[in-house]
Amino acid sequence: MRDKRSKLQIYFDVFSAILIEKQDNEEISKTRLQHKSNTSYDKLLKYLDEMNEKGLIKMENEIDTTELGNKFYQDYSNVNDLINEITQRLT
């Protein structure tokens, strides 16, 4: 069984899925985001709304990333890398 993901981890997973979708497709599909971020469709919609309200993404005509969202993604990646590094040292 997987550990329960924190809200920040889910934001990170959704944001990662958005970045992948932006590279691979002209239009971002919410269904593909749902699969790539491993969450249910109704929860994905809730998280997209929250991320939009917090300024991590823009949802006008289509879903897009913001400068704040890119900074969050970079910071979260750095923290994850640091945690993994520390974990490896202790095992």
PDB file of N, CA and C in Angstrom:
ATOM      1  N   MET A   1       0.836  -1.202   0.000  1.00  0.00           N
ATOM      2  CA  MET A   1       0.000   0.000   0.000  1.00  0.00           C
ATOM      3  C   MET A   1       0.872   1.255   0.000  1.00  0.00           C
ATOM      4  N   ARG A   2       0.485   2.228  -0.813  1.00  0.00           N
ATOM      5  CA  ARG A   2       1.245   3.472  -0.868  1.00  0.00           C
ATOM      6  C   ARG A   2       0.926   4.349   0.328  1.00  0.00           C
ATOM      7  N   ASP A   3       1.914   5.135   0.727  1.00  0.00           N
ATOM      8  CA  ASP A   3       1.660   6.129   1.767  1.00  0.00           C
ATOM      9  C   ASP A   3       0.710   7.174   1.209  1.00  0.00           C
ATOM     10  N   LYS A   4      -0.090   7.743   2.109  1.00  0.00           N
ATOM     11  CA  LYS A   4      -1.000   8.807   1.706  1.00  0.00           C
ATOM     12  C   LYS A   4      -0.165  10.031   1.314  1.00  0.00           C
ATOM     13  N   ARG A   5      -0.483  10.599   0.153  1.00  0.00           N
ATOM     14  CA  ARG A   5       0.283  11.760  -0.311  1.00  0.00           C
ATOM     15  C   ARG A   5      -0.212  13.022   0.381  1.00  0.00           C
ATOM     16  N   SER A   6       0.711  13.926   0.661  1.00  0.00           N
ATOM     17  CA  SER A   6       0.328  15.226   1.207  1.00  0.00           C
ATOM     18  C   SER A   6      -0.270  16.073   0.081  1.00  0.00           C
ATOM     19  N   LYS A   7      -0.966  17.135   0.458  1.00  0.00           N
ATOM     20  CA  LYS A   7      -1.550  18.032  -0.539  1.00  0.00           C
ATOM     21  C   LYS A   7      -0.443  18.618  -1.422  1.00  0.00           C
ATOM     22  N   LEU A   8       0.689  18.981  -0.811  1.00  0.00           N
ATOM     23  CA  LEU A   8       1.798  19.530  -1.586  1.00  0.00           C
ATOM     24  C   LEU A   8       2.332  18.512  -2.588  1.00  0.00           C
ATOM     25  N   GLN A   9       2.407  17.247  -2.168  1.00  0.00           N
ATOM     26  CA  GLN A   9       2.877  16.195  -3.076  1.00  0.00           C
ATOM     27  C   GLN A   9       1.915  16.047  -4.257  1.00  0.00           C
ATOM     28  N   ILE A  10       0.619  16.147  -3.985  1.00  0.00           N
ATOM     29  CA  ILE A  10      -0.368  16.037  -5.068  1.00  0.00           C
ATOM     30  C   ILE A  10      -0.257  17.250  -5.995  1.00  0.00           C
ATOM     31  N   TYR A  11      -0.100  18.455  -5.429  1.00  0.00           N
ATOM     32  CA  TYR A  11       0.114  19.646  -6.263  1.00  0.00           C
ATOM     33  C   TYR A  11       1.321  19.420  -7.171  1.00  0.00           C
ATOM     34  N   PHE A  12       2.404  18.888  -6.582  1.00  0.00           N
ATOM     35  CA  PHE A  12       3.624  18.629  -7.335  1.00  0.00           C
ATOM     36  C   PHE A  12       3.357  17.617  -8.449  1.00  0.00           C
ATOM     37  N   ASP A  13       2.633  16.549  -8.145  1.00  0.00           N
ATOM     38  CA  ASP A  13       2.328  15.520  -9.144  1.00  0.00           C
ATOM     39  C   ASP A  13       1.459  16.082 -10.274  1.00  0.00           C
ATOM     40  N   VAL A  14       0.478  16.900  -9.915  1.00  0.00           N
ATOM     41  CA  VAL A  14      -0.393  17.516 -10.926  1.00  0.00           C
ATOM     42  C   VAL A  14       0.427  18.483 -11.780  1.00  0.00           C
ATOM     43  N   PHE A  15       1.259  19.295 -11.125  1.00  0.00           N
ATOM     44  CA  PHE A  15       2.088  20.273 -11.845  1.00  0.00           C
ATOM     45  C   PHE A  15       3.037  19.540 -12.803  1.00  0.00           C
ATOM     46  N   SER A  16       3.629  18.439 -12.330  1.00  0.00           N
ATOM     47  CA  SER A  16       4.517  17.632 -13.177  1.00  0.00           C
ATOM     48  C   SER A  16       3.757  17.128 -14.405  1.00  0.00           C
ATOM     49  N   ALA A  17       2.541  16.654 -14.184  1.00  0.00           N
ATOM     50  CA  ALA A  17       1.710  16.156 -15.282  1.00  0.00           C
ATOM     51  C   ALA A  17       1.410  17.273 -16.282  1.00  0.00           C
ATOM     52  N   ILE A  18       1.166  18.483 -15.782  1.00  0.00           N
ATOM     53  CA  ILE A  18       0.899  19.633 -16.661  1.00  0.00           C
ATOM     54  C   ILE A  18       2.142  19.913 -17.515  1.00  0.00           C
ATOM     55  N   LEU A  19       3.317  19.901 -16.895  1.00  0.00           N
ATOM     56  CA  LEU A  19       4.555  20.158 -17.645  1.00  0.00           C
ATOM     57  C   LEU A  19       4.762  19.105 -18.736  1.00  0.00           C
ATOM     58  N   ILE A  20       4.504  17.848 -18.422  1.00  0.00           N
ATOM     59  CA  ILE A  20       4.657  16.767 -19.408  1.00  0.00           C
ATOM     60  C   ILE A  20       3.647  16.960 -20.550  1.00  0.00           C
ATOM     61  N   GLU A  21       2.414  17.278 -20.178  1.00  0.00           N
ATOM     62  CA  GLU A  21       1.369  17.495 -21.185  1.00  0.00           C
ATOM     63  C   GLU A  21       1.714  18.668 -22.103  1.00  0.00           C
ATOM     64  N   LYS A  22       2.267  19.744 -21.532  1.00  0.00           N
ATOM     65  CA  LYS A  22       2.643  20.924 -22.328  1.00  0.00           C
ATOM     66  C   LYS A  22       3.690  20.559 -23.370  1.00  0.00           C
ATOM     67  N   GLN A  23       4.609  19.654 -23.000  1.00  0.00           N
ATOM     68  CA  GLN A  23       5.654  19.234 -23.936  1.00  0.00           C
ATOM     69  C   GLN A  23       5.092  18.338 -25.037  1.00  0.00           C
ATOM     70  N   ASP A  24       4.198  17.436 -24.643  1.00  0.00           N
ATOM     71  CA  ASP A  24       3.771  16.363 -25.549  1.00  0.00           C
ATOM     72  C   ASP A  24       2.570  16.705 -26.420  1.00  0.00           C
ATOM     73  N   ASN A  25       1.739  17.635 -25.990  1.00  0.00           N
ATOM     74  CA  ASN A  25       0.473  17.884 -26.696  1.00  0.00           C
ATOM     75  C   ASN A  25       0.190  19.368 -26.804  1.00  0.00           C
ATOM     76  N   GLU A  26      -0.597  19.717 -27.818  1.00  0.00           N
ATOM     77  CA  GLU A  26      -0.978  21.123 -27.972  1.00  0.00           C
ATOM     78  C   GLU A  26      -1.976  21.530 -26.906  1.00  0.00           C
ATOM     79  N   GLU A  27      -2.885  20.621 -26.605  1.00  0.00           N
ATOM     80  CA  GLU A  27      -3.914  20.931 -25.615  1.00  0.00           C
ATOM     81  C   GLU A  27      -3.764  20.013 -24.404  1.00  0.00           C
ATOM     82  N   ILE A  28      -3.952  20.572 -23.229  1.00  0.00           N
ATOM     83  CA  ILE A  28      -3.823  19.783 -21.999  1.00  0.00           C
ATOM     84  C   ILE A  28      -5.160  19.130 -21.687  1.00  0.00           C
ATOM     85  N   SER A  29      -5.141  17.815 -21.615  1.00  0.00           N
ATOM     86  CA  SER A  29      -6.357  17.047 -21.340  1.00  0.00           C
ATOM     87  C   SER A  29      -6.449  16.747 -19.845  1.00  0.00           C
ATOM     88  N   LYS A  30      -7.578  17.090 -19.242  1.00  0.00           N
ATOM     89  CA  LYS A  30      -7.766  16.810 -17.808  1.00  0.00           C
ATOM     90  C   LYS A  30      -7.755  15.305 -17.539  1.00  0.00           C
ATOM     91  N   THR A  31      -8.249  14.535 -18.483  1.00  0.00           N
ATOM     92  CA  THR A  31      -8.239  13.077 -18.308  1.00  0.00           C
ATOM     93  C   THR A  31      -6.807  12.558 -18.264  1.00  0.00           C
ATOM     94  N   ARG A  32      -5.961  13.050 -19.160  1.00  0.00           N
ATOM     95  CA  ARG A  32      -4.553  12.622 -19.144  1.00  0.00           C
ATOM     96  C   ARG A  32      -3.863  13.104 -17.875  1.00  0.00           C
ATOM     97  N   LEU A  33      -4.194  14.318 -17.422  1.00  0.00           N
ATOM     98  CA  LEU A  33      -3.626  14.816 -16.153  1.00  0.00           C
ATOM     99  C   LEU A  33      -4.021  13.896 -15.004  1.00  0.00           C
ATOM    100  N   GLN A  34      -5.273  13.471 -15.026  1.00  0.00           N
ATOM    101  CA  GLN A  34      -5.782  12.580 -13.970  1.00  0.00           C
ATOM    102  C   GLN A  34      -4.940  11.304 -13.916  1.00  0.00           C
ATOM    103  N   HIS A  35      -4.693  10.703 -15.060  1.00  0.00           N
ATOM    104  CA  HIS A  35      -3.909   9.458 -15.099  1.00  0.00           C
ATOM    105  C   HIS A  35      -2.462   9.694 -14.692  1.00  0.00           C
ATOM    106  N   LYS A  36      -1.861  10.768 -15.222  1.00  0.00           N
ATOM    107  CA  LYS A  36      -0.447  11.029 -14.945  1.00  0.00           C
ATOM    108  C   LYS A  36      -0.207  11.414 -13.489  1.00  0.00           C
ATOM    109  N   SER A  37      -1.193  12.049 -12.855  1.00  0.00           N
ATOM    110  CA  SER A  37      -1.010  12.458 -11.455  1.00  0.00           C
ATOM    111  C   SER A  37      -1.602  11.439 -10.483  1.00  0.00           C
ATOM    112  N   ASN A  38      -2.176  10.365 -11.027  1.00  0.00           N
ATOM    113  CA  ASN A  38      -2.694   9.263 -10.216  1.00  0.00           C
ATOM    114  C   ASN A  38      -3.712   9.722  -9.161  1.00  0.00           C
ATOM    115  N   THR A  39      -4.738  10.419  -9.640  1.00  0.00           N
ATOM    116  CA  THR A  39      -5.795  10.893  -8.737  1.00  0.00           C
ATOM    117  C   THR A  39      -7.147  10.735  -9.423  1.00  0.00           C
ATOM    118  N   SER A  40      -8.214  10.766  -8.651  1.00  0.00           N
ATOM    119  CA  SER A  40      -9.544  10.635  -9.257  1.00  0.00           C
ATOM    120  C   SER A  40      -9.907  11.947  -9.965  1.00  0.00           C
ATOM    121  N   TYR A  41     -10.823  11.856 -10.917  1.00  0.00           N
ATOM    122  CA  TYR A  41     -11.170  13.026 -11.729  1.00  0.00           C
ATOM    123  C   TYR A  41     -11.750  14.158 -10.874  1.00  0.00           C
ATOM    124  N   ASP A  42     -12.669  13.827  -9.956  1.00  0.00           N
ATOM    125  CA  ASP A  42     -13.279  14.882  -9.138  1.00  0.00           C
ATOM    126  C   ASP A  42     -12.247  15.528  -8.211  1.00  0.00           C
ATOM    127  N   LYS A  43     -11.317  14.730  -7.685  1.00  0.00           N
ATOM    128  CA  LYS A  43     -10.251  15.303  -6.837  1.00  0.00           C
ATOM    129  C   LYS A  43      -9.313  16.167  -7.675  1.00  0.00           C
ATOM    130  N   LEU A  44      -9.015  15.709  -8.900  1.00  0.00           N
ATOM    131  CA  LEU A  44      -8.160  16.505  -9.784  1.00  0.00           C
ATOM    132  C   LEU A  44      -8.774  17.880 -10.008  1.00  0.00           C
ATOM    133  N   LEU A  45     -10.076  17.925 -10.289  1.00  0.00           N
ATOM    134  CA  LEU A  45     -10.746  19.212 -10.526  1.00  0.00           C
ATOM    135  C   LEU A  45     -10.635  20.115  -9.302  1.00  0.00           C
ATOM    136  N   LYS A  46     -10.795  19.522  -8.110  1.00  0.00           N
ATOM    137  CA  LYS A  46     -10.674  20.279  -6.854  1.00  0.00           C
ATOM    138  C   LYS A  46      -9.257  20.844  -6.718  1.00  0.00           C
ATOM    139  N   TYR A  47      -8.250  20.000  -6.983  1.00  0.00           N
ATOM    140  CA  TYR A  47      -6.862  20.451  -6.866  1.00  0.00           C
ATOM    141  C   TYR A  47      -6.520  21.506  -7.913  1.00  0.00           C
ATOM    142  N   LEU A  48      -7.026  21.346  -9.132  1.00  0.00           N
ATOM    143  CA  LEU A  48      -6.782  22.364 -10.159  1.00  0.00           C
ATOM    144  C   LEU A  48      -7.361  23.708  -9.727  1.00  0.00           C
ATOM    145  N   ASP A  49      -8.579  23.692  -9.154  1.00  0.00           N
ATOM    146  CA  ASP A  49      -9.189  24.938  -8.660  1.00  0.00           C
ATOM    147  C   ASP A  49      -8.334  25.563  -7.560  1.00  0.00           C
ATOM    148  N   GLU A  50      -7.889  24.738  -6.610  1.00  0.00           N
ATOM    149  CA  GLU A  50      -7.055  25.243  -5.509  1.00  0.00           C
ATOM    150  C   GLU A  50      -5.745  25.825  -6.049  1.00  0.00           C
ATOM    151  N   MET A  51      -5.121  25.112  -6.970  1.00  0.00           N
ATOM    152  CA  MET A  51      -3.846  25.571  -7.528  1.00  0.00           C
ATOM    153  C   MET A  51      -4.037  26.861  -8.318  1.00  0.00           C
ATOM    154  N   ASN A  52      -5.173  26.996  -8.974  1.00  0.00           N
ATOM    155  CA  ASN A  52      -5.500  28.211  -9.708  1.00  0.00           C
ATOM    156  C   ASN A  52      -5.677  29.383  -8.724  1.00  0.00           C
ATOM    157  N   GLU A  53      -6.413  29.134  -7.639  1.00  0.00           N
ATOM    158  CA  GLU A  53      -6.640  30.173  -6.624  1.00  0.00           C
ATOM    159  C   GLU A  53      -5.327  30.625  -5.978  1.00  0.00           C
ATOM    160  N   LYS A  54      -4.393  29.681  -5.792  1.00  0.00           N
ATOM    161  CA  LYS A  54      -3.107  29.996  -5.157  1.00  0.00           C
ATOM    162  C   LYS A  54      -2.114  30.601  -6.141  1.00  0.00           C
ATOM    163  N   GLY A  55      -2.481  30.652  -7.421  1.00  0.00           N
ATOM    164  CA  GLY A  55      -1.611  31.266  -8.419  1.00  0.00           C
ATOM    165  C   GLY A  55      -0.523  30.352  -8.957  1.00  0.00           C
ATOM    166  N   LEU A  56      -0.659  29.027  -8.725  1.00  0.00           N
ATOM    167  CA  LEU A  56       0.343  28.085  -9.233  1.00  0.00           C
ATOM    168  C   LEU A  56       0.115  27.771 -10.715  1.00  0.00           C
ATOM    169  N   ILE A  57      -1.149  27.847 -11.128  1.00  0.00           N
ATOM    170  CA  ILE A  57      -1.510  27.632 -12.533  1.00  0.00           C
ATOM    171  C   ILE A  57      -2.537  28.688 -12.935  1.00  0.00           C
ATOM    172  N   LYS A  58      -2.730  28.811 -14.256  1.00  0.00           N
ATOM    173  CA  LYS A  58      -3.785  29.674 -14.803  1.00  0.00           C
ATOM    174  C   LYS A  58      -4.767  28.770 -15.516  1.00  0.00           C
ATOM    175  N   MET A  59      -6.049  29.030 -15.322  1.00  0.00           N
ATOM    176  CA  MET A  59      -7.070  28.262 -16.046  1.00  0.00           C
ATOM    177  C   MET A  59      -8.017  29.244 -16.724  1.00  0.00           C
ATOM    178  N   GLU A  60      -7.550  29.815 -17.824  1.00  0.00           N
ATOM    179  CA  GLU A  60      -8.435  30.688 -18.581  1.00  0.00           C
ATOM    180  C   GLU A  60      -9.054  29.850 -19.685  1.00  0.00           C
ATOM    181  N   ASN A  61      -8.522  29.963 -20.896  1.00  0.00           N
ATOM    182  CA  ASN A  61      -9.021  29.099 -21.986  1.00  0.00           C
ATOM    183  C   ASN A  61      -8.472  27.693 -21.839  1.00  0.00           C
ATOM    184  N   GLU A  62      -7.224  27.616 -21.354  1.00  0.00           N
ATOM    185  CA  GLU A  62      -6.608  26.314 -21.136  1.00  0.00           C
ATOM    186  C   GLU A  62      -5.754  26.375 -19.875  1.00  0.00           C
ATOM    187  N   ILE A  63      -5.292  25.232 -19.427  1.00  0.00           N
ATOM    188  CA  ILE A  63      -4.468  25.160 -18.220  1.00  0.00           C
ATOM    189  C   ILE A  63      -3.043  25.527 -18.595  1.00  0.00           C
ATOM    190  N   ASP A  64      -2.435  26.413 -17.809  1.00  0.00           N
ATOM    191  CA  ASP A  64      -1.045  26.780 -18.044  1.00  0.00           C
ATOM    192  C   ASP A  64      -0.356  27.014 -16.710  1.00  0.00           C
ATOM    193  N   THR A  65       0.964  26.975 -16.731  1.00  0.00           N
ATOM    194  CA  THR A  65       1.751  27.184 -15.514  1.00  0.00           C
ATOM    195  C   THR A  65       2.010  28.675 -15.324  1.00  0.00           C
ATOM    196  N   THR A  66       2.332  29.063 -14.100  1.00  0.00           N
ATOM    197  CA  THR A  66       2.683  30.450 -13.795  1.00  0.00           C
ATOM    198  C   THR A  66       4.119  30.485 -13.264  1.00  0.00           C
ATOM    199  N   GLU A  67       4.646  31.676 -13.136  1.00  0.00           N
ATOM    200  CA  GLU A  67       5.992  31.844 -12.580  1.00  0.00           C
ATOM    201  C   GLU A  67       6.037  31.297 -11.148  1.00  0.00           C
ATOM    202  N   LEU A  68       5.008  31.603 -10.373  1.00  0.00           N
ATOM    203  CA  LEU A  68       4.928  31.098  -8.993  1.00  0.00           C
ATOM    204  C   LEU A  68       4.871  29.568  -8.985  1.00  0.00           C
ATOM    205  N   GLY A  69       4.106  29.000  -9.900  1.00  0.00           N
ATOM    206  CA  GLY A  69       4.018  27.549 -10.010  1.00  0.00           C
ATOM    207  C   GLY A  69       5.347  26.920 -10.369  1.00  0.00           C
ATOM    208  N   ASN A  70       6.065  27.556 -11.299  1.00  0.00           N
ATOM    209  CA  ASN A  70       7.379  27.037 -11.677  1.00  0.00           C
ATOM    210  C   ASN A  70       8.355  27.103 -10.506  1.00  0.00           C
ATOM    211  N   LYS A  71       8.272  28.167  -9.706  1.00  0.00           N
ATOM    212  CA  LYS A  71       9.135  28.289  -8.525  1.00  0.00           C
ATOM    213  C   LYS A  71       8.780  27.197  -7.508  1.00  0.00           C
ATOM    214  N   PHE A  72       7.479  26.981  -7.274  1.00  0.00           N
ATOM    215  CA  PHE A  72       7.036  25.913  -6.374  1.00  0.00           C
ATOM    216  C   PHE A  72       7.597  24.574  -6.845  1.00  0.00           C
ATOM    217  N   TYR A  73       7.477  24.298  -8.146  1.00  0.00           N
ATOM    218  CA  TYR A  73       7.942  23.029  -8.711  1.00  0.00           C
ATOM    219  C   TYR A  73       9.441  22.855  -8.464  1.00  0.00           C
ATOM    220  N   GLN A  74      10.207  23.916  -8.724  1.00  0.00           N
ATOM    221  CA  GLN A  74      11.659  23.859  -8.543  1.00  0.00           C
ATOM    222  C   GLN A  74      12.018  23.659  -7.070  1.00  0.00           C
ATOM    223  N   ASP A  75      11.377  24.424  -6.185  1.00  0.00           N
ATOM    224  CA  ASP A  75      11.660  24.315  -4.744  1.00  0.00           C
ATOM    225  C   ASP A  75      11.300  22.926  -4.220  1.00  0.00           C
ATOM    226  N   TYR A  76      10.148  22.424  -4.639  1.00  0.00           N
ATOM    227  CA  TYR A  76       9.708  21.103  -4.171  1.00  0.00           C
ATOM    228  C   TYR A  76      10.655  20.019  -4.682  1.00  0.00           C
ATOM    229  N   SER A  77      11.093  20.151  -5.925  1.00  0.00           N
ATOM    230  CA  SER A  77      12.068  19.205  -6.493  1.00  0.00           C
ATOM    231  C   SER A  77      13.353  19.211  -5.677  1.00  0.00           C
ATOM    232  N   ASN A  78      13.830  20.407  -5.326  1.00  0.00           N
ATOM    233  CA  ASN A  78      15.067  20.526  -4.540  1.00  0.00           C
ATOM    234  C   ASN A  78      14.919  19.871  -3.172  1.00  0.00           C
ATOM    235  N   VAL A  79      13.780  20.092  -2.517  1.00  0.00           N
ATOM    236  CA  VAL A  79      13.530  19.488  -1.198  1.00  0.00           C
ATOM    237  C   VAL A  79      13.485  17.967  -1.328  1.00  0.00           C
ATOM    238  N   ASN A  80      12.793  17.469  -2.354  1.00  0.00           N
ATOM    239  CA  ASN A  80      12.733  16.019  -2.592  1.00  0.00           C
ATOM    240  C   ASN A  80      14.121  15.433  -2.797  1.00  0.00           C
ATOM    241  N   ASP A  81      14.942  16.127  -3.595  1.00  0.00           N
ATOM    242  CA  ASP A  81      16.307  15.657  -3.851  1.00  0.00           C
ATOM    243  C   ASP A  81      17.100  15.591  -2.550  1.00  0.00           C
ATOM    244  N   LEU A  82      16.946  16.614  -1.725  1.00  0.00           N
ATOM    245  CA  LEU A  82      17.663  16.661  -0.449  1.00  0.00           C
ATOM    246  C   LEU A  82      17.224  15.520   0.472  1.00  0.00           C
ATOM    247  N   ILE A  83      15.926  15.278   0.547  1.00  0.00           N
ATOM    248  CA  ILE A  83      15.399  14.187   1.382  1.00  0.00           C
ATOM    249  C   ILE A  83      15.933  12.843   0.887  1.00  0.00           C
ATOM    250  N   ASN A  84      15.936  12.645  -0.431  1.00  0.00           N
ATOM    251  CA  ASN A  84      16.452  11.395  -0.995  1.00  0.00           C
ATOM    252  C   ASN A  84      17.940  11.212  -0.691  1.00  0.00           C
ATOM    253  N   GLU A  85      18.686  12.305  -0.775  1.00  0.00           N
ATOM    254  CA  GLU A  85      20.123  12.263  -0.469  1.00  0.00           C
ATOM    255  C   GLU A  85      20.363  11.866   0.983  1.00  0.00           C
ATOM    256  N   ILE A  86      19.619  12.479   1.896  1.00  0.00           N
ATOM    257  CA  ILE A  86      19.760  12.170   3.321  1.00  0.00           C
ATOM    258  C   ILE A  86      19.352  10.716   3.589  1.00  0.00           C
ATOM    259  N   THR A  87      18.251  10.291   2.966  1.00  0.00           N
ATOM    260  CA  THR A  87      17.775   8.908   3.141  1.00  0.00           C
ATOM    261  C   THR A  87      18.836   7.908   2.691  1.00  0.00           C
ATOM    262  N   GLN A  88      19.472   8.170   1.552  1.00  0.00           N
ATOM    263  CA  GLN A  88      20.505   7.266   1.036  1.00  0.00           C
ATOM    264  C   GLN A  88      21.690   7.183   1.989  1.00  0.00           C
ATOM    265  N   ARG A  89      22.047   8.323   2.586  1.00  0.00           N
ATOM    266  CA  ARG A  89      23.173   8.330   3.526  1.00  0.00           C
ATOM    267  C   ARG A  89      22.878   7.504   4.765  1.00  0.00           C
ATOM    268  N   LEU A  90      21.599   7.420   5.130  1.00  0.00           N
ATOM    269  CA  LEU A  90      21.231   6.724   6.369  1.00  0.00           C
ATOM    270  C   LEU A  90      20.904   5.254   6.139  1.00  0.00           C
ATOM    271  N   THR A  91      20.901   4.795   4.917  1.00  0.00           N
ATOM    272  CA  THR A  91      20.586   3.371   4.672  1.00  0.00           C
ATOM    273  C   THR A  91      21.798   2.597   4.216  1.00  0.00           C
TER     274      THR A  91
END
